[in-house]
Amino acid sequence: MSLKAFIGRMRATWTAWRHSRRTNSIILYFTCLVISFLFWLFLTLNNETQKDLSLPLKLTAVPDSTTIISGLPDVVKVSVRDKGSSLLRYDFGNEPTMAVDFLECADGSGNLKISSIEMLARVRKLFSNTTAVVAVSPDSLSVKYTNMPGKRVPVITDIKVSPGFRYVINGATMLSDDSVTVYSDRNTLGSVTSVQTRRISESGLTDTLTRTVGFVSIAGAKIVPDEITVRVPIEPLIAKKQNISIDVVNLPIGVNVITFPSTVEASFLVPQSIYGKAMDIKAVVNYNDILRLSSDDAASKVAVKIVEVPAECRSISLTSDSVEYIVEK
């Protein structure tokens, strides 16, 4: 079939479909649907409706030496009533911003207050005359601020964690900030010597714990930063063996004791990160124990005791708890 014949056939098919009864019914249905939608939209936009909005709150003209402590919300929630056509613009996120001039409203003694009457008046100015403001939240503002420089204080952690079986906390707790800055009035700053994190409580840990945590609030004060990252290192315990030299203690002058063997093997658990490190473990034989043994025994055995163990070692034991000895005078 030639291209010209194909085009002619497609054109004939389209003409037949367009003039068919089924096609006319479909076109009529969609035409009625569009007309109904436009009619509904006209009625909706012409009717009065109520809408809830969140207006961004911005504090302007704040001096560089001033720190806002508390009471300043990010948004002011407003419920307004007007014709749907007037409120349509707010469906696309075009809420007006409520700006408050700090120098105009601050009292100079650490407080910025806007009464409910003034708050309502400020909100009404943001809308047209036809828009009725039904509700405002918060209905007033009471903001605390300070012109005092901040005080740097240390952070105290409140952590209660425990590792799982065959795991250990290996190392000190690490903080992203070991001190923070507290802003408040003179009296409050004088009484603040530290800040405490909120409680972290975990058990059965098998991996390093990393947690972002806030602080226990201080009345009338602002803490910067308002949270820190806490890291508790958790490692698995690895079984290890090591030969340890045996020393003799309480040995009098002129006396020598030879032990057989001169070393003893110790088994213990250590954190994985220090597995390759030699442990400074001390094992001894006490000469006073030898004196208490029977002199008839030519090759008696004396107890071997561990007297020094690094804190990293866990569950230490000896393959032999006694050794033979010879006393030389």
Protein backbone atom coordinates (compact mmCIF):
# COMPACT_ATOMS: atom_id res chain seq x y z
CA MET A 1 0.00 0.00 0.00
CA SER A 2 1.37 3.40 -0.99
CA LEU A 3 1.74 6.26 1.49
CA LYS A 4 -0.96 8.27 -0.28
CA ALA A 5 -3.41 5.41 -0.05
CA PHE A 6 -2.59 4.89 3.67
CA ILE A 7 -3.20 8.58 4.47
CA GLY A 8 -6.47 8.51 2.57
CA ARG A 9 -7.62 5.45 4.47
CA MET A 10 -6.77 6.99 7.85
CA ARG A 11 -8.61 10.19 6.93
CA ALA A 12 -11.72 8.23 5.97
CA THR A 13 -11.60 6.29 9.26
CA TRP A 14 -11.30 9.54 11.30
CA THR A 15 -14.21 11.14 9.41
CA ALA A 16 -16.39 8.11 10.01
CA TRP A 17 -15.53 8.01 13.75
CA ARG A 18 -16.11 11.75 14.19
CA HIS A 19 -19.60 11.59 12.69
CA SER A 20 -20.67 8.42 14.48
CA ARG A 21 -23.45 8.48 17.12
CA ARG A 22 -21.11 7.12 19.84
CA THR A 23 -18.60 9.92 19.28
CA ASN A 24 -21.31 12.57 19.47
CA SER A 25 -22.49 11.12 22.80
CA ILE A 26 -18.97 11.23 24.25
CA ILE A 27 -18.46 14.84 23.14
CA LEU A 28 -21.83 15.84 24.59
CA TYR A 29 -21.03 14.14 27.92
CA PHE A 30 -17.70 15.92 28.35
CA THR A 31 -19.23 19.23 27.30
CA CYS A 32 -21.86 18.90 30.05
CA LEU A 33 -19.17 17.89 32.53
CA VAL A 34 -17.09 21.00 31.81
CA ILE A 35 -20.14 23.27 32.04
CA SER A 36 -21.11 21.70 35.40
CA PHE A 37 -17.60 22.16 36.76
CA LEU A 38 -17.49 25.80 35.70
CA PHE A 39 -20.90 26.40 37.25
CA TRP A 40 -19.82 24.72 40.51
CA LEU A 41 -16.60 26.74 40.53
CA PHE A 42 -18.53 29.98 40.02
CA LEU A 43 -20.88 29.19 42.92
CA THR A 44 -18.01 28.13 45.18
CA LEU A 45 -15.91 31.23 44.54
CA ASN A 46 -18.93 33.47 45.01
CA ASN A 47 -19.90 31.90 48.35
CA GLU A 48 -18.42 32.99 51.66
CA THR A 49 -15.97 30.47 53.15
CA GLN A 50 -13.57 30.15 56.07
CA LYS A 51 -9.87 29.26 55.73
CA ASP A 52 -7.07 28.59 58.22
CA LEU A 53 -3.71 30.19 57.39
CA SER A 54 -0.22 30.13 58.94
CA LEU A 55 1.42 33.54 58.68
CA PRO A 56 5.23 33.64 59.02
CA LEU A 57 6.26 35.85 61.95
CA LYS A 58 9.36 37.99 61.46
CA LEU A 59 11.03 40.17 64.08
CA THR A 60 12.77 43.12 62.42
CA ALA A 61 15.30 45.74 63.55
CA VAL A 62 16.79 43.46 66.23
CA PRO A 63 20.14 44.85 67.47
CA ASP A 64 23.19 42.60 67.06
CA SER A 65 23.74 42.60 70.84
CA THR A 66 20.22 41.29 71.53
CA THR A 67 19.39 37.61 71.93
CA ILE A 68 15.80 36.37 71.87
CA ILE A 69 15.36 33.92 74.76
CA SER A 70 11.80 32.62 74.47
CA GLY A 71 8.22 33.32 73.47
CA LEU A 72 8.70 34.03 69.74
CA PRO A 73 6.68 31.61 67.56
CA ASP A 74 7.65 30.86 63.97
CA VAL A 75 4.12 31.41 62.66
CA VAL A 76 0.85 33.02 63.69
CA LYS A 77 -2.18 30.84 62.93
CA VAL A 78 -5.14 32.84 61.60
CA SER A 79 -8.67 31.84 60.66
CA VAL A 80 -10.27 34.21 58.12
CA ARG A 81 -13.66 34.41 56.36
CA ASP A 82 -14.36 35.90 52.93
CA LYS A 83 -15.63 35.02 49.46
CA GLY A 84 -13.91 32.04 47.90
CA SER A 85 -12.59 34.21 45.07
CA SER A 86 -10.82 36.49 47.58
CA LEU A 87 -9.24 33.57 49.46
CA LEU A 88 -8.24 31.65 46.35
CA ARG A 89 -4.76 33.22 46.27
CA TYR A 90 -3.89 31.63 49.64
CA ASP A 91 -4.37 28.14 48.22
CA PHE A 92 -1.02 28.58 46.46
CA GLY A 93 1.01 29.47 49.59
CA ASN A 94 0.88 33.25 49.26
CA GLU A 95 0.24 33.96 52.95
CA PRO A 96 1.35 37.44 54.04
CA THR A 97 4.23 37.81 56.52
CA MET A 98 3.58 39.42 59.87
CA ALA A 99 6.52 41.72 60.67
CA VAL A 100 7.07 43.08 64.19
CA ASP A 101 9.48 45.97 64.74
CA PHE A 102 11.64 45.11 67.76
CA LEU A 103 12.57 48.71 68.57
CA GLU A 104 8.92 49.71 68.46
CA CYS A 105 7.63 46.99 70.83
CA ALA A 106 10.53 46.22 73.23
CA ASP A 107 10.32 47.80 76.70
CA GLY A 108 14.09 48.01 77.20
CA SER A 109 14.07 45.73 80.26
CA GLY A 110 14.00 42.31 78.61
CA ASN A 111 10.36 42.06 77.54
CA LEU A 112 8.54 42.54 74.25
CA LYS A 113 4.76 42.42 74.58
CA ILE A 114 1.88 42.78 72.14
CA SER A 115 -1.62 42.71 73.61
CA SER A 116 -4.50 40.72 72.12
CA ILE A 117 -6.18 43.91 70.84
CA GLU A 118 -3.00 45.09 69.13
CA MET A 119 -2.32 41.59 67.79
CA LEU A 120 -5.74 41.45 66.17
CA ALA A 121 -5.27 44.94 64.68
CA ARG A 122 -1.89 43.96 63.19
CA VAL A 123 -3.37 40.84 61.60
CA ARG A 124 -6.33 42.73 60.10
CA LYS A 125 -3.95 45.11 58.34
CA LEU A 126 -2.53 42.17 56.38
CA PHE A 127 -5.86 41.42 54.64
CA SER A 128 -8.37 43.31 52.53
CA ASN A 129 -11.32 45.17 54.03
CA THR A 130 -13.71 42.40 52.97
CA THR A 131 -11.81 39.70 54.86
CA ALA A 132 -12.99 39.04 58.42
CA VAL A 133 -10.44 37.74 60.94
CA VAL A 134 -12.20 35.07 63.00
CA ALA A 135 -9.40 33.84 65.28
CA VAL A 136 -5.70 34.46 65.93
CA SER A 137 -3.30 32.07 67.70
CA PRO A 138 -1.37 33.08 69.69
CA ASP A 139 -3.72 35.95 70.43
CA SER A 140 -0.90 37.96 72.07
CA LEU A 141 2.91 37.96 72.26
CA SER A 142 5.20 37.96 75.29
CA VAL A 143 8.82 37.62 74.20
CA LYS A 144 11.81 37.60 76.54
CA TYR A 145 15.16 38.91 75.34
CA THR A 146 18.49 39.93 76.81
CA ASN A 147 21.32 42.28 75.95
CA MET A 148 23.74 40.43 78.26
CA PRO A 149 26.62 38.52 76.64
CA GLY A 150 26.35 34.75 76.88
CA LYS A 151 28.04 32.63 79.54
CA ARG A 152 30.03 29.55 78.51
CA VAL A 153 29.34 26.57 80.80
CA PRO A 154 30.30 22.87 80.66
CA VAL A 155 27.94 20.10 79.57
CA ILE A 156 27.05 17.30 82.01
CA THR A 157 25.69 14.13 80.43
CA ASP A 158 22.92 12.00 81.89
CA ILE A 159 23.65 8.63 80.27
CA LYS A 160 22.67 5.18 81.45
CA VAL A 161 23.76 2.60 78.87
CA SER A 162 24.96 -0.99 79.08
CA PRO A 163 26.55 -3.18 76.39
CA GLY A 164 25.30 -6.56 75.26
CA PHE A 165 26.86 -9.92 76.13
CA ARG A 166 30.55 -10.10 75.08
CA TYR A 167 30.52 -6.36 74.27
CA VAL A 168 32.09 -3.51 76.24
CA ILE A 169 32.11 0.28 76.45
CA ASN A 170 35.66 1.01 75.32
CA GLY A 171 36.60 4.61 75.93
CA ALA A 172 35.11 7.82 77.22
CA THR A 173 31.81 9.28 76.04
CA MET A 174 32.45 11.79 73.25
CA LEU A 175 30.48 15.01 72.79
CA SER A 176 30.19 17.23 69.73
CA ASP A 177 30.39 20.19 72.18
CA ASP A 178 31.71 19.89 75.71
CA SER A 179 30.42 23.35 76.58
CA VAL A 180 27.55 25.60 75.48
CA THR A 181 26.56 29.25 75.77
CA VAL A 182 23.69 30.30 78.03
CA TYR A 183 21.87 33.60 77.48
CA SER A 184 19.70 35.15 80.17
CA ASP A 185 19.47 38.04 82.63
CA ARG A 186 22.25 38.81 85.10
CA ASN A 187 20.72 36.95 88.06
CA THR A 188 20.02 33.76 86.12
CA LEU A 189 23.47 33.70 84.53
CA GLY A 190 25.03 34.07 87.98
CA SER A 191 23.34 30.88 89.19
CA VAL A 192 24.06 28.73 86.13
CA THR A 193 27.29 26.73 86.38
CA SER A 194 26.53 23.88 83.94
CA VAL A 195 23.83 22.40 81.72
CA GLN A 196 22.65 18.79 81.73
CA THR A 197 21.57 16.68 78.78
CA ARG A 198 18.28 14.86 78.79
CA ARG A 199 18.46 11.22 79.88
CA ILE A 200 19.81 8.66 77.41
CA SER A 201 18.94 5.14 78.50
CA GLU A 202 19.85 2.05 76.44
CA SER A 203 20.74 -1.56 77.18
CA GLY A 204 22.08 -4.56 75.25
CA LEU A 205 24.10 -2.38 72.87
CA THR A 206 26.14 -4.19 70.21
CA ASP A 207 27.32 -1.16 68.25
CA THR A 208 28.56 2.35 68.96
CA LEU A 209 25.72 4.56 70.16
CA THR A 210 25.37 7.95 68.45
CA ARG A 211 22.50 10.10 69.64
CA THR A 212 21.47 13.75 69.24
CA VAL A 213 20.07 14.97 72.54
CA GLY A 214 18.73 18.25 73.93
CA PHE A 215 19.23 19.81 77.33
CA VAL A 216 17.15 20.08 80.48
CA SER A 217 15.57 23.52 80.10
CA ILE A 218 16.56 26.41 82.34
CA ALA A 219 13.73 28.81 83.19
CA GLY A 220 14.23 32.20 81.54
CA ALA A 221 17.37 31.12 79.66
CA LYS A 222 18.35 30.10 76.14
CA ILE A 223 21.01 27.46 75.46
CA VAL A 224 23.06 27.67 72.24
CA PRO A 225 23.36 25.19 70.63
CA ASP A 226 20.12 23.66 71.88
CA GLU A 227 21.32 20.08 71.29
CA ILE A 228 24.55 18.11 70.95
CA THR A 229 25.62 14.75 69.57
CA VAL A 230 26.67 12.10 72.10
CA ARG A 231 28.79 9.09 71.09
CA VAL A 232 29.37 6.06 73.31
CA PRO A 233 31.96 3.65 71.81
CA ILE A 234 30.85 -0.01 71.94
CA GLU A 235 33.17 -2.84 70.85
CA PRO A 236 33.03 -6.64 70.85
CA LEU A 237 35.27 -8.53 73.27
CA ILE A 238 37.79 -10.89 71.63
CA ALA A 239 39.40 -13.87 73.36
CA LYS A 240 43.19 -13.59 73.69
CA LYS A 241 46.05 -15.56 75.26
CA GLN A 242 49.39 -14.21 76.46
CA ASN A 243 52.44 -15.64 78.27
CA ILE A 244 53.27 -13.74 81.48
CA SER A 245 56.53 -13.78 83.39
CA ILE A 246 56.30 -14.91 87.02
CA ASP A 247 57.94 -12.67 89.62
CA VAL A 248 58.73 -13.59 93.23
CA VAL A 249 57.76 -11.10 95.95
CA ASN A 250 58.76 -10.76 99.61
CA LEU A 251 62.08 -12.43 98.81
CA PRO A 252 64.67 -11.94 101.62
CA ILE A 253 68.27 -10.91 100.91
CA GLY A 254 70.51 -13.85 100.03
CA VAL A 255 67.65 -16.06 98.89
CA ASN A 256 66.70 -16.88 95.30
CA VAL A 257 63.63 -18.74 94.06
CA ILE A 258 63.47 -20.36 90.64
CA THR A 259 60.01 -21.34 89.32
CA PHE A 260 59.29 -24.08 86.79
CA PRO A 261 58.04 -22.86 84.37
CA SER A 262 59.09 -19.21 84.61
CA THR A 263 56.02 -18.05 82.67
CA VAL A 264 52.34 -18.81 82.79
CA GLU A 265 49.71 -18.48 80.08
CA ALA A 266 46.77 -16.17 80.75
CA SER A 267 43.44 -16.21 78.90
CA PHE A 268 41.24 -13.13 78.85
CA LEU A 269 38.91 -10.95 76.78
CA VAL A 270 39.90 -7.57 75.30
CA PRO A 271 38.16 -5.00 73.08
CA GLN A 272 38.67 -5.67 69.39
CA SER A 273 40.55 -2.41 68.73
CA ILE A 274 43.41 -3.31 71.11
CA TYR A 275 43.66 -7.03 70.34
CA GLY A 276 47.20 -6.66 68.94
CA LYS A 277 48.47 -4.72 71.97
CA ALA A 278 50.50 -6.57 74.63
CA MET A 279 48.73 -6.39 78.00
CA ASP A 280 50.76 -5.38 81.07
CA ILE A 281 49.61 -8.20 83.35
CA LYS A 282 51.64 -9.06 86.45
CA ALA A 283 51.71 -12.55 88.01
CA VAL A 284 53.67 -13.32 91.21
CA VAL A 285 54.68 -16.07 93.59
CA ASN A 286 54.80 -15.02 97.26
CA TYR A 287 57.87 -16.26 99.19
CA ASN A 288 55.79 -16.25 102.39
CA ASP A 289 53.59 -18.94 100.78
CA ILE A 290 56.71 -21.03 100.22
CA LEU A 291 57.69 -20.78 103.88
CA ARG A 292 54.29 -22.15 104.88
CA LEU A 293 54.75 -25.22 102.71
CA SER A 294 56.23 -28.44 104.15
CA SER A 295 60.04 -28.46 104.12
CA ASP A 296 59.97 -32.22 103.38
CA ASP A 297 58.70 -31.57 99.86
CA ALA A 298 61.71 -31.18 97.62
CA ALA A 299 59.67 -29.99 94.65
CA SER A 300 56.50 -28.53 96.11
CA LYS A 301 54.17 -26.33 94.13
CA VAL A 302 53.31 -22.78 95.10
CA ALA A 303 50.28 -20.73 94.04
CA VAL A 304 50.57 -18.15 91.24
CA LYS A 305 48.51 -15.03 91.76
CA ILE A 306 47.60 -12.21 89.38
CA VAL A 307 48.17 -8.86 91.10
CA GLU A 308 47.93 -6.34 88.26
CA VAL A 309 45.46 -6.40 85.36
CA PRO A 310 44.75 -3.54 82.88
CA ALA A 311 41.22 -2.21 82.99
CA GLU A 312 40.69 -3.32 79.37
CA CYS A 313 41.04 -7.03 80.25
CA ARG A 314 37.95 -9.03 81.21
CA SER A 315 37.45 -12.54 82.64
CA ILE A 316 41.16 -13.31 83.08
CA SER A 317 42.27 -16.82 84.07
CA LEU A 318 45.53 -18.81 84.16
CA THR A 319 46.13 -22.15 82.47
CA SER A 320 47.96 -23.21 85.64
CA ASP A 321 47.32 -21.75 89.08
CA SER A 322 50.56 -23.11 90.60
CA VAL A 323 54.17 -23.83 89.63
CA GLU A 324 57.07 -25.87 90.97
CA TYR A 325 60.00 -24.06 92.57
CA ILE A 326 63.53 -24.37 93.91
CA VAL A 327 64.87 -22.23 96.73
CA GLU A 328 68.55 -21.27 96.51
CA LYS A 329 70.37 -19.75 99.50
